[in-house]
N, C-alpha and C. Protein backbone atom coordinates (compact mmCIF):
# COMPACT_ATOMS: atom_id res chain seq x y z
N MET A 1 106.12 83.70 98.40
CA MET A 1 107.17 83.87 97.45
C MET A 1 108.61 83.92 98.26
N SER A 2 109.84 82.92 97.86
CA SER A 2 110.57 82.48 98.90
C SER A 2 111.61 83.49 98.46
N ASP A 3 111.49 84.41 97.57
CA ASP A 3 112.57 85.65 96.97
C ASP A 3 112.11 86.75 97.42
N ILE A 4 111.04 86.70 98.61
CA ILE A 4 110.89 87.79 99.15
C ILE A 4 111.71 88.27 100.39
N PRO A 5 112.95 88.96 100.61
CA PRO A 5 113.59 89.07 101.54
C PRO A 5 112.99 89.22 103.14
N GLU A 6 113.05 88.83 103.59
CA GLU A 6 112.78 88.70 105.44
C GLU A 6 112.44 89.87 105.85
N GLY A 7 111.67 90.18 106.17
CA GLY A 7 111.12 91.49 107.51
C GLY A 7 110.05 92.03 106.51
N PHE A 8 109.90 91.83 104.91
CA PHE A 8 108.77 92.46 103.96
C PHE A 8 107.69 91.41 103.55
N GLU A 9 106.61 92.26 103.92
CA GLU A 9 105.24 90.99 103.81
C GLU A 9 104.52 92.07 102.35
N ARG A 10 103.63 91.14 102.22
CA ARG A 10 102.60 91.95 101.09
C ARG A 10 101.75 92.79 101.73
N ALA A 11 102.05 93.90 101.01
CA ALA A 11 100.97 95.57 100.85
C ALA A 11 99.54 95.14 101.16
N ARG A 12 99.41 95.49 102.31
CA ARG A 12 97.64 95.25 102.25
C ARG A 12 97.20 96.48 100.94
N PHE A 13 97.84 97.46 101.10
CA PHE A 13 96.74 98.50 99.83
C PHE A 13 96.22 97.70 98.70
N SER A 14 95.82 98.14 98.28
CA SER A 14 95.14 97.43 96.61
C SER A 14 94.52 98.45 95.74
N ASN A 15 94.43 98.61 94.74
CA ASN A 15 93.46 98.91 93.83
C ASN A 15 93.62 98.19 92.37
N PRO A 16 93.12 98.30 91.45
CA PRO A 16 93.61 97.66 89.95
C PRO A 16 94.81 98.08 89.51
N PHE A 17 94.85 98.96 89.47
CA PHE A 17 96.24 99.55 88.97
C PHE A 17 97.64 99.13 89.84
N LEU A 18 97.37 99.67 91.34
CA LEU A 18 98.58 99.19 91.86
C LEU A 18 98.85 97.66 91.78
N ASP A 19 97.51 96.77 91.73
CA ASP A 19 98.06 95.64 91.59
C ASP A 19 98.52 94.70 90.11
N MET A 20 98.35 95.61 89.56
CA MET A 20 98.94 95.79 88.03
C MET A 20 100.56 96.15 88.15
N ALA A 21 100.73 96.95 88.60
CA ALA A 21 102.06 97.57 89.26
C ALA A 21 103.13 97.11 89.61
N GLY A 22 102.42 96.67 91.28
CA GLY A 22 103.52 95.36 91.46
C GLY A 22 103.73 94.17 91.05
N PRO A 23 103.79 93.34 92.54
CA PRO A 23 103.11 93.49 93.43
C PRO A 23 104.10 94.32 94.32
N TYR A 24 103.66 94.52 95.64
CA TYR A 24 104.47 95.91 96.60
C TYR A 24 104.20 94.94 97.83
N TYR A 25 105.61 95.29 98.70
CA TYR A 25 105.66 94.12 99.95
C TYR A 25 106.60 96.12 100.74
N VAL A 26 105.80 95.67 102.31
CA VAL A 26 106.71 96.69 103.02
C VAL A 26 107.12 96.19 103.96
N ARG A 27 107.91 96.96 104.82
CA ARG A 27 108.59 96.79 105.92
C ARG A 27 108.26 97.73 106.77
N ASN A 28 108.19 97.67 108.09
CA ASN A 28 108.28 98.61 108.67
C ASN A 28 109.74 98.87 109.70
N ASP A 29 110.42 99.84 109.32
CA ASP A 29 111.36 100.07 110.40
C ASP A 29 111.28 101.43 111.24
N ASP A 30 112.17 101.85 112.10
CA ASP A 30 111.69 102.15 112.71
C ASP A 30 111.26 103.93 112.87
N ASP A 31 111.55 104.59 111.88
CA ASP A 31 111.40 105.80 111.37
C ASP A 31 110.94 105.93 110.28
N ARG A 32 110.47 104.38 109.42
CA ARG A 32 109.88 104.57 108.04
C ARG A 32 109.26 103.61 107.50
N ILE A 33 108.39 103.53 106.71
CA ILE A 33 107.93 102.38 105.88
C ILE A 33 108.94 101.89 104.82
N VAL A 34 109.26 101.06 104.30
CA VAL A 34 110.00 100.45 103.31
C VAL A 34 109.13 100.20 102.53
N VAL A 35 108.84 100.97 100.61
CA VAL A 35 108.06 99.70 99.88
C VAL A 35 109.03 99.21 98.84
N ALA A 36 108.35 97.90 98.80
CA ALA A 36 109.37 97.32 97.33
C ALA A 36 109.14 96.27 96.36
N THR A 37 109.57 96.04 95.78
CA THR A 37 109.09 95.21 94.55
C THR A 37 110.35 94.76 93.88
N ARG A 38 110.14 93.14 93.32
CA ARG A 38 111.05 92.75 92.38
C ARG A 38 111.02 92.63 91.14
N ILE A 39 111.94 93.35 90.36
CA ILE A 39 111.11 93.63 88.96
C ILE A 39 110.96 92.47 87.87
N HIS A 40 109.95 92.06 87.32
CA HIS A 40 109.28 90.96 86.60
C HIS A 40 109.17 91.44 85.36
N ASP A 41 109.28 90.50 84.34
CA ASP A 41 109.05 90.82 82.80
C ASP A 41 108.49 91.73 82.41
N GLY A 42 106.60 92.08 82.88
CA GLY A 42 105.83 92.93 82.61
C GLY A 42 106.33 94.30 82.94
N GLN A 43 107.64 94.33 83.54
CA GLN A 43 107.95 96.09 83.84
C GLN A 43 108.84 96.11 83.13
N ILE A 44 109.71 95.32 82.40
CA ILE A 44 110.75 95.61 81.28
C ILE A 44 110.36 96.30 80.06
N ASN A 45 111.23 97.21 79.60
CA ASN A 45 111.07 97.86 78.58
C ASN A 45 112.22 97.57 77.37
N HIS A 46 112.22 98.05 76.49
CA HIS A 46 112.58 97.94 74.68
C HIS A 46 114.20 97.71 75.41
N ILE A 47 114.92 98.14 76.67
CA ILE A 47 116.15 98.40 76.50
C ILE A 47 116.77 97.53 78.01
N LYS A 48 115.84 96.67 77.71
CA LYS A 48 115.76 95.66 79.04
C LYS A 48 116.25 96.16 80.66
N VAL A 49 115.58 97.11 80.58
CA VAL A 49 115.45 97.66 82.11
C VAL A 49 113.97 98.08 82.82
N ALA A 50 113.77 98.01 83.82
CA ALA A 50 112.65 98.67 84.71
C ALA A 50 112.32 100.12 83.47
N HIS A 51 111.10 99.72 83.39
CA HIS A 51 110.44 101.11 82.81
C HIS A 51 110.11 102.33 83.31
N GLY A 52 110.94 103.58 83.03
CA GLY A 52 110.80 104.67 84.42
C GLY A 52 109.18 104.88 85.07
N GLY A 53 108.18 104.41 84.21
CA GLY A 53 106.96 103.95 84.94
C GLY A 53 106.87 103.03 86.06
N VAL A 54 107.45 102.51 86.05
CA VAL A 54 107.40 101.61 87.37
C VAL A 54 108.28 102.13 88.15
N LEU A 55 109.68 102.65 88.13
CA LEU A 55 109.95 103.45 89.22
C LEU A 55 109.13 104.32 89.91
N THR A 56 108.79 105.29 89.11
CA THR A 56 107.73 106.47 89.32
C THR A 56 106.64 106.33 89.84
N THR A 57 106.07 104.88 89.67
CA THR A 57 104.59 104.65 90.60
C THR A 57 105.65 103.80 91.86
N LEU A 58 106.15 103.35 91.91
CA LEU A 58 106.85 102.84 93.05
C LEU A 58 107.20 104.00 94.06
N ALA A 59 107.97 105.24 93.44
CA ALA A 59 107.96 106.44 94.11
C ALA A 59 107.01 107.18 94.78
N ASP A 60 105.67 107.17 94.22
CA ASP A 60 104.67 107.61 94.45
C ASP A 60 103.82 106.79 95.34
N VAL A 61 103.94 105.47 95.35
CA VAL A 61 103.48 104.83 96.64
C VAL A 61 104.12 105.06 97.46
N ALA A 62 105.08 104.71 97.59
CA ALA A 62 106.39 105.15 99.01
C ALA A 62 105.76 106.25 99.86
N LEU A 63 106.18 107.17 98.79
CA LEU A 63 105.91 109.10 99.34
C LEU A 63 104.58 108.63 99.78
N SER A 64 103.71 108.81 99.52
CA SER A 64 102.39 108.97 99.93
C SER A 64 101.82 107.51 100.91
N LEU A 65 102.27 106.75 100.73
CA LEU A 65 102.23 105.76 102.35
C LEU A 65 102.91 106.54 103.29
N GLN A 66 103.88 107.02 103.27
CA GLN A 66 104.78 107.48 104.52
C GLN A 66 103.71 108.79 104.86
N VAL A 67 102.81 109.51 104.34
CA VAL A 67 102.43 110.55 104.54
C VAL A 67 101.09 109.87 104.96
N HIS A 68 100.42 108.85 104.61
CA HIS A 68 98.96 108.07 104.51
C HIS A 68 99.49 107.95 106.06
N GLU A 69 100.65 107.08 106.68
CA GLU A 69 100.69 106.71 108.36
C GLU A 69 101.17 106.93 108.99
N ALA A 70 101.49 108.32 108.78
CA ALA A 70 101.79 109.54 109.95
C ALA A 70 100.31 110.23 110.38
N GLU A 71 99.73 110.17 109.26
CA GLU A 71 98.36 110.69 110.22
C GLU A 71 97.19 109.72 111.26
N ARG A 72 97.03 110.43 111.94
CA ARG A 72 96.15 109.63 112.83
C ARG A 72 94.58 110.36 113.04
N PRO A 73 93.57 110.19 112.65
CA PRO A 73 92.91 109.16 112.10
C PRO A 73 94.00 108.76 110.46
N ARG A 74 94.34 107.74 110.23
CA ARG A 74 94.70 107.91 108.79
C ARG A 74 93.84 108.68 107.31
N LEU A 75 94.26 109.05 107.04
CA LEU A 75 93.74 110.01 105.84
C LEU A 75 93.92 109.74 104.50
N PRO A 76 93.40 110.11 103.21
CA PRO A 76 93.81 109.89 102.33
C PRO A 76 94.43 110.91 101.40
N VAL A 77 95.56 111.08 100.93
CA VAL A 77 96.53 111.78 100.48
C VAL A 77 96.48 111.97 98.80
N ALA A 78 96.73 113.37 98.04
CA ALA A 78 96.42 113.34 96.68
C ALA A 78 97.84 114.10 96.34
N THR A 79 98.58 113.10 95.48
CA THR A 79 99.67 113.91 94.85
C THR A 79 99.56 114.94 94.18
N MET A 80 100.40 116.00 94.50
CA MET A 80 100.12 117.40 93.76
C MET A 80 101.39 117.79 92.64
N SER A 81 102.54 117.07 93.26
CA SER A 81 103.51 117.19 92.57
C SER A 81 104.74 115.97 92.93
N LEU A 82 105.49 115.61 91.71
CA LEU A 82 106.50 114.55 92.20
C LEU A 82 107.59 114.78 90.84
N ASN A 83 108.69 114.76 91.56
CA ASN A 83 109.97 114.91 90.38
C ASN A 83 110.63 114.19 90.84
N SER A 84 111.57 113.12 89.83
CA SER A 84 112.15 112.08 89.69
C SER A 84 113.35 112.49 89.11
N ASN A 85 114.46 111.66 89.70
CA ASN A 85 115.61 112.05 89.05
C ASN A 85 116.19 110.61 88.50
N PHE A 86 115.83 110.20 87.56
CA PHE A 86 116.64 108.72 86.89
C PHE A 86 118.39 108.66 87.28
N LEU A 87 118.77 107.64 87.49
CA LEU A 87 120.20 108.06 88.12
C LEU A 87 121.03 106.26 87.24
N ALA A 88 120.07 105.07 87.87
CA ALA A 88 120.28 104.02 87.01
C ALA A 88 119.31 103.44 86.43
N GLY A 89 119.40 102.17 86.32
CA GLY A 89 118.11 101.13 85.49
C GLY A 89 118.49 99.81 86.61
N ALA A 90 116.82 99.29 86.54
CA ALA A 90 116.81 98.10 87.45
C ALA A 90 116.72 97.05 86.60
N ASN A 91 117.25 95.86 86.85
CA ASN A 91 117.33 94.88 85.68
C ASN A 91 116.03 93.52 86.11
N LEU A 92 115.96 92.67 85.26
CA LEU A 92 114.85 91.75 85.56
C LEU A 92 115.14 91.06 86.90
N GLY A 93 114.45 90.69 87.44
CA GLY A 93 115.35 90.31 88.62
C GLY A 93 115.42 90.69 89.87
N ASP A 94 115.58 92.20 89.73
CA ASP A 94 116.34 92.93 90.80
C ASP A 94 115.49 93.37 92.23
N TRP A 95 115.43 93.52 92.80
CA TRP A 95 114.95 93.46 94.36
C TRP A 95 114.78 95.18 94.63
N VAL A 96 114.46 95.84 94.39
CA VAL A 96 113.93 97.37 94.86
C VAL A 96 113.49 97.67 95.73
N GLU A 97 114.20 98.81 96.56
CA GLU A 97 113.08 99.60 97.97
C GLU A 97 113.47 100.81 97.66
N ALA A 98 112.22 101.58 97.84
CA ALA A 98 112.17 102.70 98.12
C ALA A 98 111.91 103.56 99.58
N PHE A 99 112.54 104.11 100.11
CA PHE A 99 112.64 104.93 101.34
C PHE A 99 112.25 106.44 101.13
N ALA A 100 111.29 106.54 102.09
CA ALA A 100 110.78 108.22 102.08
C ALA A 100 111.25 108.94 103.12
N THR A 101 110.57 110.02 103.21
CA THR A 101 111.33 111.41 104.52
C THR A 101 110.11 112.22 104.63
N ILE A 102 109.45 112.34 105.61
CA ILE A 102 108.38 113.65 105.07
C ILE A 102 109.04 114.47 106.04
N ASP A 103 109.94 115.60 105.13
CA ASP A 103 110.43 116.37 105.57
C ASP A 103 109.69 117.96 106.09
N ARG A 104 108.45 118.04 105.71
CA ARG A 104 108.04 119.23 105.98
C ARG A 104 105.94 118.58 106.15
N MET A 105 105.10 118.79 107.20
CA MET A 105 104.37 118.46 107.31
C MET A 105 102.85 119.52 107.60
N SER A 106 102.02 119.98 107.15
CA SER A 106 100.92 120.94 108.12
C SER A 106 99.71 120.04 108.21
N LYS A 107 98.71 121.15 108.27
CA LYS A 107 97.28 120.33 108.35
C LYS A 107 96.70 119.66 106.52
N ARG A 108 97.51 120.75 105.80
CA ARG A 108 96.67 120.23 104.30
C ARG A 108 97.51 119.73 103.57
N THR A 109 99.43 119.90 103.99
CA THR A 109 99.93 119.75 102.62
C THR A 109 101.74 118.90 103.05
N ALA A 110 102.02 118.02 102.70
CA ALA A 110 103.39 117.36 102.96
C ALA A 110 104.18 117.49 101.93
N TYR A 111 105.33 117.68 102.44
CA TYR A 111 106.19 118.12 101.37
C TYR A 111 107.60 116.39 101.97
N CYS A 112 107.65 115.54 100.81
CA CYS A 112 108.37 114.46 101.15
C CYS A 112 109.76 114.35 100.38
N SER A 113 110.68 113.34 100.49
CA SER A 113 111.68 113.27 99.61
C SER A 113 112.03 111.89 99.66
N GLY A 114 112.97 111.31 98.77
CA GLY A 114 113.71 109.56 99.09
C GLY A 114 113.94 109.75 98.00
N ARG A 115 114.54 107.98 98.14
CA ARG A 115 115.21 107.23 97.29
C ARG A 115 114.72 106.03 96.88
N ILE A 116 115.12 105.24 95.26
CA ILE A 116 114.96 103.71 95.14
C ILE A 116 116.33 103.38 95.23
N LEU A 117 116.59 102.51 96.08
CA LEU A 117 117.93 101.73 95.34
C LEU A 117 117.46 100.50 95.30
N CYS A 118 118.34 99.66 94.77
CA CYS A 118 118.50 98.41 94.41
C CYS A 118 120.04 97.83 94.94
N GLY A 119 120.02 97.47 96.53
CA GLY A 119 121.25 97.26 96.81
C GLY A 119 121.48 98.12 97.38
N GLU A 120 123.03 98.90 97.28
CA GLU A 120 123.32 99.74 97.60
C GLU A 120 123.39 101.10 96.26
N LYS A 121 123.08 100.30 95.09
CA LYS A 121 122.85 101.54 94.12
C LYS A 121 121.47 102.34 94.05
N VAL A 122 122.12 103.81 93.61
CA VAL A 122 120.81 104.60 93.96
C VAL A 122 120.13 104.62 92.69
N LEU A 123 119.06 103.79 92.15
CA LEU A 123 118.45 104.29 91.14
C LEU A 123 117.55 105.47 90.98
N MET A 124 117.52 106.38 91.19
CA MET A 124 116.14 107.13 91.42
C MET A 124 116.52 107.67 92.80
N THR A 125 115.94 109.32 92.64
CA THR A 125 115.99 110.03 94.18
C THR A 125 114.67 110.86 93.38
N MET A 126 113.35 111.52 94.35
CA MET A 126 112.49 112.03 94.45
C MET A 126 111.81 113.00 95.25
N THR A 127 110.92 113.80 94.77
CA THR A 127 110.43 114.42 95.60
C THR A 127 108.89 115.06 95.68
N ALA A 128 108.18 114.96 96.42
CA ALA A 128 106.90 115.02 96.03
C ALA A 128 105.77 116.16 97.35
N VAL A 129 105.02 116.60 97.06
CA VAL A 129 103.86 117.55 97.60
C VAL A 129 102.57 116.65 97.46
N PHE A 130 102.38 116.24 98.65
CA PHE A 130 100.49 115.97 98.88
C PHE A 130 100.00 116.45 99.65
N ALA A 131 98.56 116.60 98.87
CA ALA A 131 97.45 117.18 99.60
C ALA A 131 96.59 116.20 100.72
N ILE A 132 96.55 116.69 102.32
CA ILE A 132 96.12 115.49 102.80
C ILE A 132 94.67 116.10 102.88
N LEU A 133 93.39 114.90 102.53
CA LEU A 133 92.38 115.08 102.15
C LEU A 133 91.52 114.84 103.25
N ARG A 134 91.43 116.46 104.36
CA ARG A 134 90.69 115.99 105.23
C ARG A 134 89.49 116.78 104.95
N LYS A 135 88.09 116.46 105.79
CA LYS A 135 87.14 116.60 105.55
C LYS A 135 86.91 117.98 106.07
């Protein structure tokens, strides 16, 4: 796709739900992974903005990927809690980027926070707790 900003590439993670919810793109910054998507027709609700579930799924993907990528070896994680604050809507065609930070991490639990932006406009802030699934 030519409308994907430079530095982003198609995400390599995949499952039927994420394939339907996305597509997602990733960029590796120095201290974090940015996960993004372009809002398309299938993500728009009856008031002509991206459905809240679209942004919440993007938040969960970005936060959990940050934890997953911080582990060596990489381990699966499970969302225990996800809180979202909707501040603005995303419109058809908007490029939205999710930024995540690990605030605290132990052997079994990770606490994260982040935000979703469209340009400089903050669309959502979020916090989450993840279980790190060690054998």
